[in-house]
Amino acid sequence: NLMTVSWVTQVAQTPKLIGVGVEQKAVTHDLLVDGGIFALNLLARRDRALVRHFVKPVEDVDIDEDSGLGTMNGVPVATAPTGAPVLAAAAAWLDCEIRHTLPLGSHTWFVGEVTDVAVADAETDSVPDDDQDGILRMEDTRMSYGG
């Protein structure tokens, strides 16, 4: 599954840990509990329309098990080393293995250790920060919440 999420932050530098808040009723919640992995996809602002494909559970999945390539809701994806899906259009992604979980009422806080990363433009090792190429933020999507 892929989902739009708004509650994400780095929580430690050594080891590199990322925290993600996910509503307990979300399909992705149970997938995280069962699978113990997740990938955080960062999109360029120009690709903001892609988030609309993932505000509800993914229903159309076509991924080749051998190559790890395919589509989810018609959007091209690949498989990260852990097996988590990553968007082909991602400006960057972080592949994570879950190390800690903390139930917090309506949500669970999942803490993942970053095990691999990729940047779309590995030549420059950075993502341009202009209006269209900067990293997408929640206010760019006209949504107030995801997760």
Protein backbone atom coordinates (compact mmCIF):
# COMPACT_ATOMS: atom_id res chain seq x y z
CA ASN A 1 0.00 0.00 0.00
CA LEU A 2 0.99 3.63 -0.40
CA MET A 3 -0.60 6.43 1.60
CA THR A 4 -0.36 10.17 1.99
CA VAL A 5 1.01 10.98 5.44
CA SER A 6 1.61 14.27 7.25
CA TRP A 7 3.02 13.29 10.65
CA VAL A 8 6.70 12.49 9.99
CA THR A 9 9.94 13.61 11.61
CA GLN A 10 13.51 12.57 12.18
CA VAL A 11 13.84 11.38 15.80
CA ALA A 12 17.56 10.42 16.08
CA GLN A 13 20.81 10.82 14.18
CA THR A 14 22.63 7.74 15.50
CA PRO A 15 21.13 5.47 14.45
CA LYS A 16 19.18 7.37 11.81
CA LEU A 17 15.56 7.04 12.96
CA ILE A 18 12.39 8.39 11.35
CA GLY A 19 9.06 8.60 13.22
CA VAL A 20 5.73 8.25 11.40
CA GLY A 21 2.26 8.64 12.93
CA VAL A 22 -0.39 6.41 11.35
CA GLU A 23 -4.08 6.23 12.24
CA GLN A 24 -4.90 2.83 13.73
CA LYS A 25 -7.93 2.43 11.41
CA ALA A 26 -5.79 2.91 8.28
CA VAL A 27 -5.06 -0.12 6.07
CA THR A 28 -1.38 0.82 6.18
CA HIS A 29 -1.33 0.55 9.99
CA ASP A 30 -1.82 -3.22 9.95
CA LEU A 31 0.65 -3.59 7.07
CA LEU A 32 3.29 -1.79 9.15
CA VAL A 33 2.59 -3.96 12.19
CA ASP A 34 2.72 -7.18 10.15
CA GLY A 35 5.56 -6.28 7.78
CA GLY A 36 7.86 -4.29 10.05
CA ILE A 37 9.02 -2.01 7.22
CA PHE A 38 8.12 1.20 5.42
CA ALA A 39 9.54 3.56 2.83
CA LEU A 40 9.10 7.32 3.01
CA ASN A 41 8.74 8.84 -0.47
CA LEU A 42 9.54 12.53 -0.92
CA LEU A 43 7.97 14.15 -3.96
CA ALA A 44 8.89 17.28 -5.86
CA ARG A 45 6.30 20.04 -5.68
CA ARG A 46 5.59 19.65 -9.41
CA ASP A 47 4.33 16.11 -8.67
CA ARG A 48 1.73 17.18 -6.09
CA ALA A 49 -1.12 15.57 -8.05
CA LEU A 50 0.30 12.10 -7.25
CA VAL A 51 -0.80 12.31 -3.61
CA ARG A 52 -4.44 12.14 -4.70
CA HIS A 53 -3.84 8.57 -5.89
CA PHE A 54 -3.00 7.51 -2.33
CA VAL A 55 -5.50 9.19 -0.01
CA LYS A 56 -7.47 5.92 0.07
CA PRO A 57 -6.21 2.33 0.19
CA VAL A 58 -4.56 1.12 -3.01
CA GLU A 59 -6.91 -1.15 -4.98
CA ASP A 60 -4.96 -1.68 -8.21
CA VAL A 61 -1.54 -3.33 -7.71
CA ASP A 62 0.49 -4.80 -10.56
CA ILE A 63 4.10 -5.49 -9.51
CA ASP A 64 6.40 -8.01 -11.17
CA GLU A 65 7.95 -10.12 -8.39
CA ASP A 66 11.18 -10.71 -10.33
CA SER A 67 11.98 -7.11 -11.29
CA GLY A 68 10.14 -5.33 -8.46
CA LEU A 69 8.70 -2.89 -11.01
CA GLY A 70 5.05 -2.17 -11.62
CA THR A 71 2.20 0.16 -10.77
CA MET A 72 -0.04 0.98 -7.83
CA ASN A 73 -3.28 2.78 -8.71
CA GLY A 74 -1.77 3.28 -12.17
CA VAL A 75 1.33 5.09 -10.83
CA PRO A 76 4.78 3.58 -11.59
CA VAL A 77 6.54 2.08 -8.56
CA ALA A 78 9.63 0.04 -7.75
CA THR A 79 10.51 -2.07 -4.74
CA ALA A 80 13.03 -0.80 -2.17
CA PRO A 81 15.55 -3.27 -0.68
CA THR A 82 13.19 -4.06 2.24
CA GLY A 83 10.36 -4.80 -0.19
CA ALA A 84 8.44 -1.58 0.50
CA PRO A 85 7.05 0.22 -2.57
CA VAL A 86 8.66 3.46 -3.72
CA LEU A 87 7.29 5.84 -6.32
CA ALA A 88 9.28 5.98 -9.55
CA ALA A 89 8.68 9.76 -9.52
CA ALA A 90 10.03 10.24 -5.98
CA ALA A 91 12.62 13.00 -5.66
CA ALA A 92 14.09 10.86 -2.87
CA TRP A 93 13.11 7.96 -0.62
CA LEU A 94 14.17 6.45 2.70
CA ASP A 95 13.80 2.71 3.26
CA CYS A 96 13.17 1.85 6.92
CA GLU A 97 12.88 -1.14 9.25
CA ILE A 98 10.57 -0.58 12.22
CA ARG A 99 12.42 -0.60 15.53
CA HIS A 100 9.79 0.81 17.94
CA THR A 101 6.03 1.32 18.10
CA LEU A 102 4.05 3.44 20.51
CA PRO A 103 0.22 3.36 20.57
CA LEU A 104 -1.09 6.92 21.02
CA GLY A 105 -4.87 6.81 21.16
CA SER A 106 -6.16 7.08 17.59
CA HIS A 107 -2.67 6.72 16.08
CA THR A 108 0.46 4.61 16.48
CA TRP A 109 3.90 6.15 16.33
CA PHE A 110 6.20 3.91 14.27
CA VAL A 111 9.94 4.52 14.50
CA GLY A 112 11.95 3.15 11.61
CA GLU A 113 15.70 2.89 11.21
CA VAL A 114 16.84 4.16 7.82
CA THR A 115 18.51 1.22 6.04
CA ASP A 116 18.80 2.67 2.53
CA VAL A 117 18.17 5.94 0.68
CA ALA A 118 18.03 7.16 -2.89
CA VAL A 119 17.96 10.61 -4.47
CA ALA A 120 16.53 11.07 -7.96
CA ASP A 121 19.42 13.26 -9.07
CA ALA A 122 22.34 11.35 -7.58
CA GLU A 123 24.73 13.33 -9.83
CA THR A 124 24.27 16.49 -7.75
CA ASP A 125 23.30 14.71 -4.51
CA SER A 126 20.65 17.37 -3.93
CA VAL A 127 17.15 18.33 -4.95
CA PRO A 128 16.70 21.82 -6.44
CA ASP A 129 14.72 24.09 -4.15
CA ASP A 130 12.80 26.27 -6.58
CA ASP A 131 9.02 26.55 -6.86
CA GLN A 132 8.48 23.37 -8.89
CA ASP A 133 11.46 21.22 -7.90
CA GLY A 134 11.47 21.79 -4.13
CA ILE A 135 10.17 19.04 -1.87
CA LEU A 136 6.38 18.82 -1.55
CA ARG A 137 4.93 20.02 1.74
CA MET A 138 1.44 19.45 3.15
CA GLU A 139 0.38 23.05 2.46
CA ASP A 140 1.17 22.47 -1.24
CA THR A 141 -1.52 19.77 -1.46
CA ARG A 142 -4.53 21.74 -0.18
CA MET A 143 -5.05 18.93 2.32
CA SER A 144 -4.87 19.46 6.07
CA TYR A 145 -4.16 15.90 7.10
CA GLY A 146 -2.89 12.61 5.76
CA GLY A 147 -2.33 9.47 7.76
